[in-house]
Amino acid sequence: MTDDAITSQLVTWYFDDAIEFWHEKRMSRMEAWKYHEKLLMEGNIITLADGNTLCGYVESLRLSFDQWGRIICGEPFSAYLEDVKSGPIAVCYNTYIRPEYRNTEVYRILRNKFIELNKNCRYFAGEARRKRAGFIKVFKRQEILKEA
């Protein structure tokens, strides 16, 4: 898939309430395109495609303690404007796998790419949103590397 095709699919998913239901406010379509394009180009969005089908993705941010604290507390944060490549906390900020690929190797491949990309981080974190009740988990590097 081309980067434009991937960005297009990411923006489509972003505006699909059945997929990304937790957004309180949404960017405009142009802002969403720029956001996803930038993070994809900078390596913060990990993707896996099957031919011309985007199977899934992981949005991976490397945050400082200050940035992570602002996210947890609901304070202003912008992955588009801030440095999200050098912090000690690897955050799985967003992820989606198409339903028809969920019981395949796609999850394992994306997880391993996320870990490999961030293997030097001290902490790994993410939020389980699938049950519509956020649940934040934080792991130390050695705990994550045992699973990879």
C-alpha atoms as a PDB file:
ATOM      1  CA  MET A   1       0.000   0.000   0.000  1.00  0.00           C
ATOM      2  CA  THR A   2       1.128   3.541  -0.627  1.00  0.00           C
ATOM      3  CA  ASP A   3       1.476   5.972   2.250  1.00  0.00           C
ATOM      4  CA  ASP A   4      -1.433   7.997   0.834  1.00  0.00           C
ATOM      5  CA  ALA A   5      -3.651   4.894   0.762  1.00  0.00           C
ATOM      6  CA  ILE A   6      -2.700   4.059   4.362  1.00  0.00           C
ATOM      7  CA  THR A   7      -3.347   7.648   5.490  1.00  0.00           C
ATOM      8  CA  SER A   8      -6.696   7.611   3.719  1.00  0.00           C
ATOM      9  CA  GLN A   9      -7.730   4.411   5.524  1.00  0.00           C
ATOM     10  CA  LEU A  10      -6.547   5.759   8.900  1.00  0.00           C
ATOM     11  CA  VAL A  11      -8.591   8.943   8.422  1.00  0.00           C
ATOM     12  CA  THR A  12     -11.649   6.886   7.427  1.00  0.00           C
ATOM     13  CA  TRP A  13     -11.312   4.798  10.596  1.00  0.00           C
ATOM     14  CA  TYR A  14     -10.778   7.956  12.668  1.00  0.00           C
ATOM     15  CA  PHE A  15     -14.183   9.282  11.604  1.00  0.00           C
ATOM     16  CA  ASP A  16     -15.979   5.941  12.091  1.00  0.00           C
ATOM     17  CA  ASP A  17     -17.792   6.110  15.456  1.00  0.00           C
ATOM     18  CA  ALA A  18     -18.011   2.324  15.625  1.00  0.00           C
ATOM     19  CA  ILE A  19     -14.192   2.102  15.565  1.00  0.00           C
ATOM     20  CA  GLU A  20     -12.954   5.204  17.381  1.00  0.00           C
ATOM     21  CA  PHE A  21     -15.896   6.000  19.646  1.00  0.00           C
ATOM     22  CA  TRP A  22     -13.961   7.613  22.503  1.00  0.00           C
ATOM     23  CA  HIS A  23     -13.081  10.927  20.833  1.00  0.00           C
ATOM     24  CA  GLU A  24     -14.720  13.820  22.639  1.00  0.00           C
ATOM     25  CA  LYS A  25     -13.785  16.221  19.848  1.00  0.00           C
ATOM     26  CA  ARG A  26     -12.624  15.423  16.361  1.00  0.00           C
ATOM     27  CA  MET A  27     -10.207  17.210  14.082  1.00  0.00           C
ATOM     28  CA  SER A  28     -11.371  18.424  10.700  1.00  0.00           C
ATOM     29  CA  ARG A  29     -10.777  16.003   7.824  1.00  0.00           C
ATOM     30  CA  MET A  30      -7.761  18.059   6.667  1.00  0.00           C
ATOM     31  CA  GLU A  31      -6.277  18.188  10.197  1.00  0.00           C
ATOM     32  CA  ALA A  32      -6.827  14.436  10.576  1.00  0.00           C
ATOM     33  CA  TRP A  33      -5.071  13.807   7.258  1.00  0.00           C
ATOM     34  CA  LYS A  34      -2.061  15.952   8.304  1.00  0.00           C
ATOM     35  CA  TYR A  35      -1.933  14.300  11.744  1.00  0.00           C
ATOM     36  CA  HIS A  36      -1.988  10.726  10.453  1.00  0.00           C
ATOM     37  CA  GLU A  37       0.343  11.522   7.545  1.00  0.00           C
ATOM     38  CA  LYS A  38       2.936  13.102   9.861  1.00  0.00           C
ATOM     39  CA  LEU A  39       2.850  10.316  12.440  1.00  0.00           C
ATOM     40  CA  LEU A  40       3.012   7.671   9.704  1.00  0.00           C
ATOM     41  CA  MET A  41       6.007   9.378   8.042  1.00  0.00           C
ATOM     42  CA  GLU A  42       7.814   9.756  11.380  1.00  0.00           C
ATOM     43  CA  GLY A  43       7.333   6.100  12.303  1.00  0.00           C
ATOM     44  CA  ASN A  44       4.815   6.639  15.083  1.00  0.00           C
ATOM     45  CA  ILE A  45       2.128   4.670  13.272  1.00  0.00           C
ATOM     46  CA  ILE A  46       2.997   1.022  12.728  1.00  0.00           C
ATOM     47  CA  THR A  47       0.915  -0.684  10.054  1.00  0.00           C
ATOM     48  CA  LEU A  48       0.403  -4.112   8.568  1.00  0.00           C
ATOM     49  CA  ALA A  49      -1.168  -4.574   5.152  1.00  0.00           C
ATOM     50  CA  ASP A  50      -2.376  -7.576   3.183  1.00  0.00           C
ATOM     51  CA  GLY A  51      -2.002  -6.420  -0.409  1.00  0.00           C
ATOM     52  CA  ASN A  52      -4.164  -3.303  -0.702  1.00  0.00           C
ATOM     53  CA  THR A  53      -5.958  -3.953   2.584  1.00  0.00           C
ATOM     54  CA  LEU A  54      -4.779  -2.279   5.761  1.00  0.00           C
ATOM     55  CA  CYS A  55      -5.159  -5.063   8.357  1.00  0.00           C
ATOM     56  CA  GLY A  56      -4.418  -2.910  11.371  1.00  0.00           C
ATOM     57  CA  TYR A  57      -2.202  -0.335  13.003  1.00  0.00           C
ATOM     58  CA  VAL A  58      -0.656   0.783  16.268  1.00  0.00           C
ATOM     59  CA  GLU A  59      -0.094   4.443  17.076  1.00  0.00           C
ATOM     60  CA  SER A  60       3.084   4.446  19.133  1.00  0.00           C
ATOM     61  CA  LEU A  61       4.267   7.462  21.100  1.00  0.00           C
ATOM     62  CA  ARG A  62       7.424   7.860  23.175  1.00  0.00           C
ATOM     63  CA  LEU A  63       6.428  10.300  25.879  1.00  0.00           C
ATOM     64  CA  SER A  64       8.027  12.180  28.730  1.00  0.00           C
ATOM     65  CA  PHE A  65       6.615  11.801  32.237  1.00  0.00           C
ATOM     66  CA  ASP A  66       5.101  15.277  31.877  1.00  0.00           C
ATOM     67  CA  GLN A  67       3.332  14.367  28.620  1.00  0.00           C
ATOM     68  CA  TRP A  68       2.005  11.077  30.006  1.00  0.00           C
ATOM     69  CA  GLY A  69       0.775  12.870  33.128  1.00  0.00           C
ATOM     70  CA  ARG A  70      -1.050  15.456  31.033  1.00  0.00           C
ATOM     71  CA  ILE A  71      -2.762  12.712  29.020  1.00  0.00           C
ATOM     72  CA  ILE A  72      -3.846  10.831  32.156  1.00  0.00           C
ATOM     73  CA  CYS A  73      -5.142  14.018  33.786  1.00  0.00           C
ATOM     74  CA  GLY A  74      -6.945  15.212  30.659  1.00  0.00           C
ATOM     75  CA  GLU A  75      -4.719  18.256  30.193  1.00  0.00           C
ATOM     76  CA  PRO A  76      -3.784  19.636  26.755  1.00  0.00           C
ATOM     77  CA  PHE A  77      -1.497  17.391  24.693  1.00  0.00           C
ATOM     78  CA  SER A  78      -0.740  17.250  20.972  1.00  0.00           C
ATOM     79  CA  ALA A  79       1.103  14.349  19.373  1.00  0.00           C
ATOM     80  CA  TYR A  80       1.172  16.480  16.220  1.00  0.00           C
ATOM     81  CA  LEU A  81       2.949  19.464  17.806  1.00  0.00           C
ATOM     82  CA  GLU A  82       5.060  17.858  20.538  1.00  0.00           C
ATOM     83  CA  ASP A  83       8.107  15.592  20.535  1.00  0.00           C
ATOM     84  CA  VAL A  84       6.728  12.045  20.666  1.00  0.00           C
ATOM     85  CA  LYS A  85       9.925  10.280  19.584  1.00  0.00           C
ATOM     86  CA  SER A  86      12.289  10.512  22.551  1.00  0.00           C
ATOM     87  CA  GLY A  87      10.558   9.955  25.896  1.00  0.00           C
ATOM     88  CA  PRO A  88      11.186   7.008  28.243  1.00  0.00           C
ATOM     89  CA  ILE A  89       7.552   5.823  28.143  1.00  0.00           C
ATOM     90  CA  ALA A  90       6.352   3.875  25.094  1.00  0.00           C
ATOM     91  CA  VAL A  91       2.620   4.356  24.840  1.00  0.00           C
ATOM     92  CA  CYS A  92       0.316   2.337  22.649  1.00  0.00           C
ATOM     93  CA  TYR A  93      -1.822   5.415  22.043  1.00  0.00           C
ATOM     94  CA  ASN A  94      -4.267   3.894  19.612  1.00  0.00           C
ATOM     95  CA  THR A  95      -4.713   0.613  17.802  1.00  0.00           C
ATOM     96  CA  TYR A  96      -7.176  -1.090  15.518  1.00  0.00           C
ATOM     97  CA  ILE A  97      -7.281  -4.442  13.741  1.00  0.00           C
ATOM     98  CA  ARG A  98      -9.968  -5.220  11.179  1.00  0.00           C
ATOM     99  CA  PRO A  99     -12.365  -7.852  12.577  1.00  0.00           C
ATOM    100  CA  GLU A 100     -11.491 -10.410   9.888  1.00  0.00           C
ATOM    101  CA  TYR A 101      -7.797 -10.221  10.909  1.00  0.00           C
ATOM    102  CA  ARG A 102      -8.220 -10.368  14.698  1.00  0.00           C
ATOM    103  CA  ASN A 103      -7.741 -14.105  15.103  1.00  0.00           C
ATOM    104  CA  THR A 104      -4.663 -14.169  12.889  1.00  0.00           C
ATOM    105  CA  GLU A 105      -0.990 -13.313  13.331  1.00  0.00           C
ATOM    106  CA  VAL A 106      -1.709  -9.592  12.846  1.00  0.00           C
ATOM    107  CA  TYR A 107      -1.941  -8.827  16.584  1.00  0.00           C
ATOM    108  CA  ARG A 108       1.348 -10.622  17.344  1.00  0.00           C
ATOM    109  CA  ILE A 109       3.166  -8.945  14.446  1.00  0.00           C
ATOM    110  CA  LEU A 110       1.978  -5.447  15.387  1.00  0.00           C
ATOM    111  CA  ARG A 111       2.771  -6.063  19.072  1.00  0.00           C
ATOM    112  CA  ASN A 112       6.280  -7.248  18.236  1.00  0.00           C
ATOM    113  CA  LYS A 113       6.889  -4.276  15.925  1.00  0.00           C
ATOM    114  CA  PHE A 114       5.744  -1.937  18.715  1.00  0.00           C
ATOM    115  CA  ILE A 115       8.102  -3.586  21.220  1.00  0.00           C
ATOM    116  CA  GLU A 116      11.040  -3.610  18.788  1.00  0.00           C
ATOM    117  CA  LEU A 117      10.539   0.053  17.911  1.00  0.00           C
ATOM    118  CA  ASN A 118      10.492   1.002  21.595  1.00  0.00           C
ATOM    119  CA  LYS A 119      12.801  -1.590  23.165  1.00  0.00           C
ATOM    120  CA  ASN A 120      14.968   1.085  24.794  1.00  0.00           C
ATOM    121  CA  CYS A 121      12.077   2.665  26.695  1.00  0.00           C
ATOM    122  CA  ARG A 122      11.940   2.179  30.463  1.00  0.00           C
ATOM    123  CA  TYR A 123       8.161   1.814  30.573  1.00  0.00           C
ATOM    124  CA  PHE A 124       5.400   0.572  28.281  1.00  0.00           C
ATOM    125  CA  ALA A 125       1.844   1.796  28.710  1.00  0.00           C
ATOM    126  CA  GLY A 126      -1.539   1.711  27.098  1.00  0.00           C
ATOM    127  CA  GLU A 127      -5.227   1.998  27.775  1.00  0.00           C
ATOM    128  CA  ALA A 128      -7.791  -0.739  27.158  1.00  0.00           C
ATOM    129  CA  ARG A 129     -10.710   1.078  25.541  1.00  0.00           C
ATOM    130  CA  ARG A 130     -12.523  -1.903  24.086  1.00  0.00           C
ATOM    131  CA  LYS A 131     -14.923  -2.044  27.047  1.00  0.00           C
ATOM    132  CA  ARG A 132     -15.620   1.692  26.904  1.00  0.00           C
ATOM    133  CA  ALA A 133     -14.148   2.099  30.383  1.00  0.00           C
ATOM    134  CA  GLY A 134     -10.533   3.210  30.188  1.00  0.00           C
ATOM    135  CA  PHE A 135      -8.102   1.003  32.043  1.00  0.00           C
ATOM    136  CA  ILE A 136      -4.463   2.098  31.996  1.00  0.00           C
ATOM    137  CA  LYS A 137      -1.713  -0.484  32.287  1.00  0.00           C
ATOM    138  CA  VAL A 138       1.988   0.256  32.766  1.00  0.00           C
ATOM    139  CA  PHE A 139       4.796  -2.300  32.471  1.00  0.00           C
ATOM    140  CA  LYS A 140       8.528  -2.065  33.019  1.00  0.00           C
ATOM    141  CA  ARG A 141      10.820  -2.903  30.089  1.00  0.00           C
ATOM    142  CA  GLN A 142      11.876  -6.302  31.445  1.00  0.00           C
ATOM    143  CA  GLU A 143       8.235  -7.401  31.810  1.00  0.00           C
ATOM    144  CA  ILE A 144       7.462  -6.527  28.184  1.00  0.00           C
ATOM    145  CA  LEU A 145      10.646  -7.998  26.716  1.00  0.00           C
ATOM    146  CA  LYS A 146       9.860 -11.370  28.370  1.00  0.00           C
ATOM    147  CA  GLU A 147       6.634 -11.543  26.356  1.00  0.00           C
ATOM    148  CA  ALA A 148       8.126 -10.626  22.969  1.00  0.00           C
END
